[in-house]
Amino acid sequence: SVPIVIPAETVFSGSFNNTLYTFYSENEVSVAGGGTVAVTVKEGSVISAEQLTTSASGQIGQRYSLSKTNVIPNTVQASVNEDGISYVNWTRVEDTNIVASGVNAYAIYVNSANATEVVFGNRLSGRIPPTGVKIQAKYKITSGSSGNVGANSINSFRTAISGLSVSSSTSAVGGTDGETVASLKTSIKSIIKSQDRAVTLSDFVNRALLVDGVYKAVCEFTPSAGGGSVTVYAIPYIADFTSASAGSYALETETKTSINTSLQAVATLGVTVDTASSVTFVPKTISASVTINNSYVQSSVKAAVEAALTY
């Protein structure tokens, strides 16, 4: 029989704790008639073509807000229609101020109102969309940690595919919320420490921590005759990673690509950068005897010590 194709970004749905969630497939897969196939999905929705403007101003520093909240920044793809016929994808960069003049580039920022903005260059650094052109964006949104639904919660196709149904699903894992005060402390320190060039391992770590979705990172250097390589091990924000049930965490492809692109751009000559696809959690037991001065509250000191050890 002819295999049935499940296209990439096919939408699935399911309820968990009385809340309806949607999921989309990452890649196209095929299944033979009467057979079964595993489909990798992510929680959230795909906004396929949101019109940001039908007539760009032509001014420097153009910025356009996306209509949805909870946007995954590294999924935003902006495209510009200059010839009136087709849209051309521009390149997402960390900062339009560091790209050359004439480069079709844009950056993604989240403003104080928690709106995600697509920001273009100023002509000296990055090209500006010409007057009157159309600009649109494709991106993905997520419910964050609440989308970590239990097993068999994903139970149907949102858009039916003839001859197919969902038989079962595993628990969804890996969904995280936006940055907290704790994670911002790490990010802010990284911004202050970050240099234009990554020379030491600390430089690579600080640059990695600036990538959207990275909360903790360590780097390992392997020397070679031509210079060497740096391997990055990174994880997203996990509310309590010390009690994480998974023995390892697989990094999302988009995040891995963003880390490699960001660090390779600032790596010293001869150094190549690669990011590990997963990180294995190794439990560590720490014992300590702490003597607390009578003028301090014991419970507060204990909590502060535990927080410092797990940071």
Protein backbone atom coordinates (compact mmCIF):
# COMPACT_ATOMS: atom_id res chain seq x y z
CA SER A 1 0.00 0.00 0.00
CA VAL A 2 1.04 3.61 -0.50
CA PRO A 3 2.54 5.13 2.69
CA ILE A 4 0.61 7.96 4.34
CA VAL A 5 2.66 11.11 4.85
CA ILE A 6 2.41 13.12 8.06
CA PRO A 7 3.80 16.54 7.07
CA ALA A 8 6.10 18.57 9.28
CA GLU A 9 4.17 20.96 11.55
CA THR A 10 1.10 18.73 11.58
CA VAL A 11 -0.97 19.79 14.59
CA PHE A 12 -2.01 17.41 17.37
CA SER A 13 -4.05 18.16 20.49
CA GLY A 14 -4.91 16.81 23.89
CA SER A 15 -6.17 17.79 27.33
CA PHE A 16 -4.26 17.77 30.60
CA ASN A 17 -5.57 19.04 33.94
CA ASN A 18 -8.69 20.30 32.12
CA THR A 19 -6.63 22.45 29.76
CA LEU A 20 -6.42 21.92 26.00
CA TYR A 21 -2.90 21.95 24.51
CA THR A 22 -1.70 21.78 20.92
CA PHE A 23 1.47 20.16 19.62
CA TYR A 24 3.19 20.24 16.24
CA SER A 25 5.41 17.67 14.57
CA GLU A 26 9.02 18.61 13.86
CA ASN A 27 9.68 16.54 10.75
CA GLU A 28 7.79 14.83 7.97
CA VAL A 29 7.28 11.11 8.56
CA SER A 30 5.58 8.33 6.60
CA VAL A 31 3.62 5.36 7.85
CA ALA A 32 2.63 2.28 5.92
CA GLY A 33 -1.03 1.31 5.81
CA GLY A 34 -1.98 -0.54 8.98
CA GLY A 35 1.35 0.29 10.62
CA THR A 36 2.48 2.62 13.37
CA VAL A 37 5.16 5.27 13.53
CA ALA A 38 6.64 7.46 16.26
CA VAL A 39 6.20 11.19 15.65
CA THR A 40 8.31 13.71 17.57
CA VAL A 41 6.22 16.71 18.58
CA LYS A 42 6.64 19.95 20.51
CA GLU A 43 4.07 21.75 22.61
CA GLY A 44 2.82 25.02 21.20
CA SER A 45 1.57 26.52 17.98
CA VAL A 46 3.11 27.60 14.69
CA ILE A 47 2.24 31.11 13.50
CA SER A 48 2.96 30.59 9.83
CA ALA A 49 2.67 34.03 8.21
CA GLU A 50 1.89 37.01 10.41
CA GLN A 51 1.84 40.29 8.50
CA LEU A 52 3.99 42.80 10.37
CA THR A 53 3.44 45.60 7.89
CA THR A 54 2.10 46.03 4.36
CA SER A 55 4.06 49.24 3.86
CA ALA A 56 7.40 49.59 5.64
CA SER A 57 8.41 53.11 6.68
CA GLY A 58 11.87 52.92 5.13
CA GLN A 59 13.31 54.50 8.28
CA ILE A 60 16.35 53.28 10.21
CA GLY A 61 15.84 50.99 13.20
CA GLN A 62 12.41 49.73 12.16
CA ARG A 63 10.83 47.49 14.79
CA TYR A 64 7.63 45.52 14.67
CA SER A 65 5.89 43.70 17.53
CA LEU A 66 4.60 40.15 17.12
CA SER A 67 0.94 39.78 18.05
CA LYS A 68 1.35 36.66 20.20
CA THR A 69 2.94 36.30 23.62
CA ASN A 70 5.15 33.43 24.84
CA VAL A 71 7.14 33.51 21.61
CA ILE A 72 10.16 31.20 21.29
CA PRO A 73 12.72 33.82 20.13
CA ASN A 74 15.01 31.50 18.21
CA THR A 75 12.13 30.31 16.00
CA VAL A 76 11.30 33.74 14.57
CA GLN A 77 11.90 33.99 10.81
CA ALA A 78 11.26 37.40 9.26
CA SER A 79 10.89 37.77 5.50
CA VAL A 80 10.58 40.80 3.26
CA ASN A 81 8.65 41.18 -0.01
CA GLU A 82 10.50 43.76 -2.11
CA ASP A 83 9.52 42.79 -5.65
CA GLY A 84 5.81 42.49 -5.00
CA ILE A 85 5.91 38.79 -5.88
CA SER A 86 7.72 36.72 -3.26
CA TYR A 87 9.00 36.98 0.30
CA VAL A 88 12.74 36.55 0.94
CA ASN A 89 14.00 35.31 4.32
CA TRP A 90 16.39 37.66 6.10
CA THR A 91 19.02 36.44 8.58
CA ARG A 92 18.38 36.49 12.33
CA VAL A 93 21.38 37.80 14.31
CA GLU A 94 22.03 38.51 17.97
CA ASP A 95 22.55 42.23 17.44
CA THR A 96 22.06 44.26 14.27
CA ASN A 97 24.69 46.73 15.50
CA ILE A 98 27.50 44.25 14.84
CA VAL A 99 26.64 43.25 11.26
CA ALA A 100 28.04 44.88 8.14
CA SER A 101 26.25 47.49 6.08
CA GLY A 102 24.00 46.03 3.40
CA VAL A 103 23.39 42.70 5.19
CA ASN A 104 19.76 41.55 5.23
CA ALA A 105 19.56 41.00 8.98
CA TYR A 106 17.24 41.47 11.94
CA ALA A 107 17.38 40.80 15.68
CA ILE A 108 14.78 39.67 18.20
CA TYR A 109 14.16 41.55 21.45
CA VAL A 110 11.61 41.19 24.24
CA ASN A 111 10.56 44.59 25.58
CA SER A 112 9.47 45.60 29.09
CA ALA A 113 5.84 44.83 28.22
CA ASN A 114 6.85 41.24 27.37
CA ALA A 115 6.17 41.81 23.67
CA THR A 116 8.56 40.24 21.19
CA GLU A 117 9.91 42.66 18.60
CA VAL A 118 11.59 42.17 15.22
CA VAL A 119 14.24 44.90 14.91
CA PHE A 120 16.05 45.84 11.70
CA GLY A 121 19.31 47.70 11.09
CA ASN A 122 20.29 51.34 10.69
CA ARG A 123 21.91 51.25 7.24
CA LEU A 124 25.44 51.52 8.69
CA SER A 125 24.92 48.24 10.53
CA GLY A 126 22.50 46.05 8.64
CA ARG A 127 20.27 46.93 5.73
CA ILE A 128 16.89 48.57 6.31
CA PRO A 129 13.69 47.35 4.63
CA PRO A 130 12.88 49.85 1.83
CA THR A 131 9.85 52.14 1.92
CA GLY A 132 6.56 50.45 1.08
CA VAL A 133 7.66 46.82 1.22
CA LYS A 134 5.72 44.08 3.01
CA ILE A 135 7.21 42.25 6.00
CA GLN A 136 5.92 39.07 7.60
CA ALA A 137 7.11 36.66 10.26
CA LYS A 138 6.80 32.98 11.02
CA TYR A 139 7.35 31.86 14.59
CA LYS A 140 6.34 29.44 17.31
CA ILE A 141 4.76 29.98 20.70
CA THR A 142 4.64 27.76 23.77
CA SER A 143 2.84 27.32 27.08
CA GLY A 144 6.16 26.69 28.82
CA SER A 145 6.38 24.24 31.70
CA SER A 146 2.60 23.77 31.87
CA GLY A 147 2.86 22.00 28.50
CA ASN A 148 4.74 19.10 30.10
CA VAL A 149 1.63 16.94 29.93
CA GLY A 150 1.33 13.39 31.18
CA ALA A 151 1.43 10.17 29.17
CA ASN A 152 -1.40 9.63 26.65
CA SER A 153 -2.58 13.24 26.98
CA ILE A 154 -1.85 13.84 23.29
CA ASN A 155 -4.67 11.85 21.74
CA SER A 156 -5.82 13.30 18.42
CA PHE A 157 -4.95 15.06 15.19
CA ARG A 158 -6.08 18.69 15.26
CA THR A 159 -6.38 18.47 11.47
CA ALA A 160 -7.53 14.98 10.54
CA ILE A 161 -5.43 12.80 8.23
CA SER A 162 -7.52 10.11 6.58
CA GLY A 163 -6.69 6.62 7.80
CA LEU A 164 -4.65 7.74 10.82
CA SER A 165 -5.29 8.13 14.53
CA VAL A 166 -3.19 8.63 17.65
CA SER A 167 -2.77 5.41 19.62
CA SER A 168 -0.65 6.63 22.54
CA SER A 169 1.82 9.28 23.62
CA THR A 170 4.65 9.57 26.10
CA SER A 171 4.88 12.27 28.75
CA ALA A 172 5.98 15.65 27.40
CA VAL A 173 9.20 16.92 28.98
CA GLY A 174 11.58 19.85 28.61
CA GLY A 175 9.10 22.72 28.52
CA THR A 176 10.35 25.72 30.50
CA ASP A 177 8.99 29.13 31.41
CA GLY A 178 10.54 32.54 30.79
CA GLU A 179 13.47 33.75 32.81
CA THR A 180 13.07 34.14 36.53
CA VAL A 181 14.96 36.47 38.85
CA ALA A 182 17.42 33.62 39.48
CA SER A 183 18.14 33.03 35.80
CA LEU A 184 18.36 36.77 35.09
CA LYS A 185 21.16 37.03 37.62
CA THR A 186 23.18 34.64 35.48
CA SER A 187 22.30 36.37 32.20
CA ILE A 188 23.12 39.86 33.45
CA LYS A 189 26.52 38.77 34.75
CA SER A 190 27.23 37.16 31.39
CA ILE A 191 26.38 40.36 29.52
CA ILE A 192 28.78 42.32 31.71
CA LYS A 193 31.59 39.77 31.36
CA SER A 194 31.10 38.98 27.68
CA GLN A 195 33.84 40.22 25.33
CA ASP A 196 33.93 40.76 21.58
CA ARG A 197 36.16 37.67 21.37
CA ALA A 198 35.96 34.37 23.22
CA VAL A 199 39.47 33.41 24.35
CA THR A 200 39.17 31.58 27.67
CA LEU A 201 36.67 28.86 28.54
CA SER A 202 34.92 31.38 30.80
CA ASP A 203 34.44 33.62 27.74
CA PHE A 204 32.75 30.76 25.88
CA VAL A 205 30.53 29.98 28.88
CA ASN A 206 29.47 33.62 29.22
CA ARG A 207 28.63 33.85 25.54
CA ALA A 208 26.64 30.59 25.68
CA LEU A 209 24.60 31.90 28.62
CA LEU A 210 23.46 34.82 26.44
CA VAL A 211 21.76 32.48 23.97
CA ASP A 212 17.98 32.28 24.33
CA GLY A 213 16.97 29.18 26.26
CA VAL A 214 20.35 28.52 27.94
CA TYR A 215 20.42 28.68 31.75
CA LYS A 216 23.56 26.77 32.65
CA ALA A 217 26.58 25.87 30.56
CA VAL A 218 30.07 24.43 30.85
CA CYS A 219 32.72 24.19 28.15
CA GLU A 220 35.52 21.73 27.46
CA PHE A 221 38.57 22.45 25.30
CA THR A 222 40.32 19.77 23.24
CA PRO A 223 43.64 20.95 21.76
CA SER A 224 44.82 19.99 18.29
CA ALA A 225 47.60 20.91 15.89
CA GLY A 226 45.37 23.42 14.08
CA GLY A 227 44.05 25.10 17.21
CA GLY A 228 41.50 22.92 18.92
CA SER A 229 37.80 22.58 19.59
CA VAL A 230 35.42 23.75 22.28
CA THR A 231 32.50 21.53 23.26
CA VAL A 232 29.59 23.25 24.97
CA TYR A 233 27.31 21.41 27.39
CA ALA A 234 24.15 23.44 28.04
CA ILE A 235 20.73 23.07 29.65
CA PRO A 236 17.67 25.36 29.78
CA TYR A 237 16.10 26.71 32.93
CA ILE A 238 14.76 23.87 35.09
CA ALA A 239 12.91 24.94 38.22
CA ASP A 240 14.68 22.33 40.35
CA PHE A 241 17.29 20.53 38.31
CA THR A 242 18.62 18.77 41.43
CA SER A 243 15.47 16.64 41.51
CA ALA A 244 14.97 16.30 37.74
CA SER A 245 13.57 12.87 37.00
CA ALA A 246 15.42 12.45 33.69
CA GLY A 247 18.95 11.08 33.78
CA SER A 248 19.86 13.30 30.86
CA TYR A 249 18.44 16.23 28.96
CA ALA A 250 18.42 16.49 25.14
CA LEU A 251 19.02 20.02 23.90
CA GLU A 252 16.62 21.35 21.28
CA THR A 253 18.06 21.55 17.76
CA GLU A 254 17.28 25.28 17.45
CA THR A 255 19.10 26.06 20.70
CA LYS A 256 22.11 23.96 19.71
CA THR A 257 22.34 25.73 16.36
CA SER A 258 22.07 29.15 18.04
CA ILE A 259 24.89 28.31 20.45
CA ASN A 260 27.18 27.08 17.67
CA THR A 261 26.48 30.12 15.48
CA SER A 262 26.93 32.61 18.32
CA LEU A 263 30.16 31.15 19.68
CA GLN A 264 31.80 30.35 16.36
CA ALA A 265 31.42 33.99 15.36
CA VAL A 266 33.59 35.12 18.29
CA ALA A 267 35.95 32.14 18.59
CA THR A 268 39.67 32.76 18.13
CA LEU A 269 41.34 31.64 14.90
CA GLY A 270 41.64 27.87 14.56
CA VAL A 271 39.07 27.02 17.23
CA THR A 272 35.91 25.20 16.22
CA VAL A 273 32.77 25.08 18.36
CA ASP A 274 30.32 22.25 18.82
CA THR A 275 27.45 21.83 21.25
CA ALA A 276 26.61 18.48 22.80
CA SER A 277 23.19 17.16 21.85
CA SER A 278 22.47 16.11 25.43
CA VAL A 279 23.73 16.56 28.97
CA THR A 280 23.84 13.74 31.51
CA PHE A 281 22.92 14.62 35.08
CA VAL A 282 25.28 13.05 37.61
CA PRO A 283 23.95 13.13 41.20
CA LYS A 284 26.40 14.49 43.77
CA THR A 285 26.02 14.19 47.53
CA ILE A 286 27.47 17.05 49.59
CA SER A 287 27.70 16.90 53.36
CA ALA A 288 28.62 19.90 55.48
CA SER A 289 28.51 20.96 59.10
CA VAL A 290 27.63 24.63 59.48
CA THR A 291 27.92 26.49 62.76
CA ILE A 292 25.44 29.36 62.93
CA ASN A 293 25.90 32.40 65.12
CA ASN A 294 23.08 32.79 67.64
CA SER A 295 22.27 36.22 66.21
CA TYR A 296 21.13 34.66 62.90
CA VAL A 297 17.95 32.75 62.06
CA GLN A 298 18.99 29.13 61.53
CA SER A 299 16.36 28.33 58.90
CA SER A 300 17.37 31.36 56.80
CA VAL A 301 21.07 30.49 56.91
CA LYS A 302 20.36 26.85 56.02
CA ALA A 303 18.26 27.93 53.03
CA ALA A 304 21.00 30.30 51.86
CA VAL A 305 23.66 27.60 52.10
CA GLU A 306 21.53 25.09 50.17
CA ALA A 307 20.82 27.68 47.48
CA ALA A 308 24.53 28.43 47.11
CA LEU A 309 25.39 24.74 46.76
CA THR A 310 22.77 24.11 44.06
CA TYR A 311 23.45 27.30 42.08
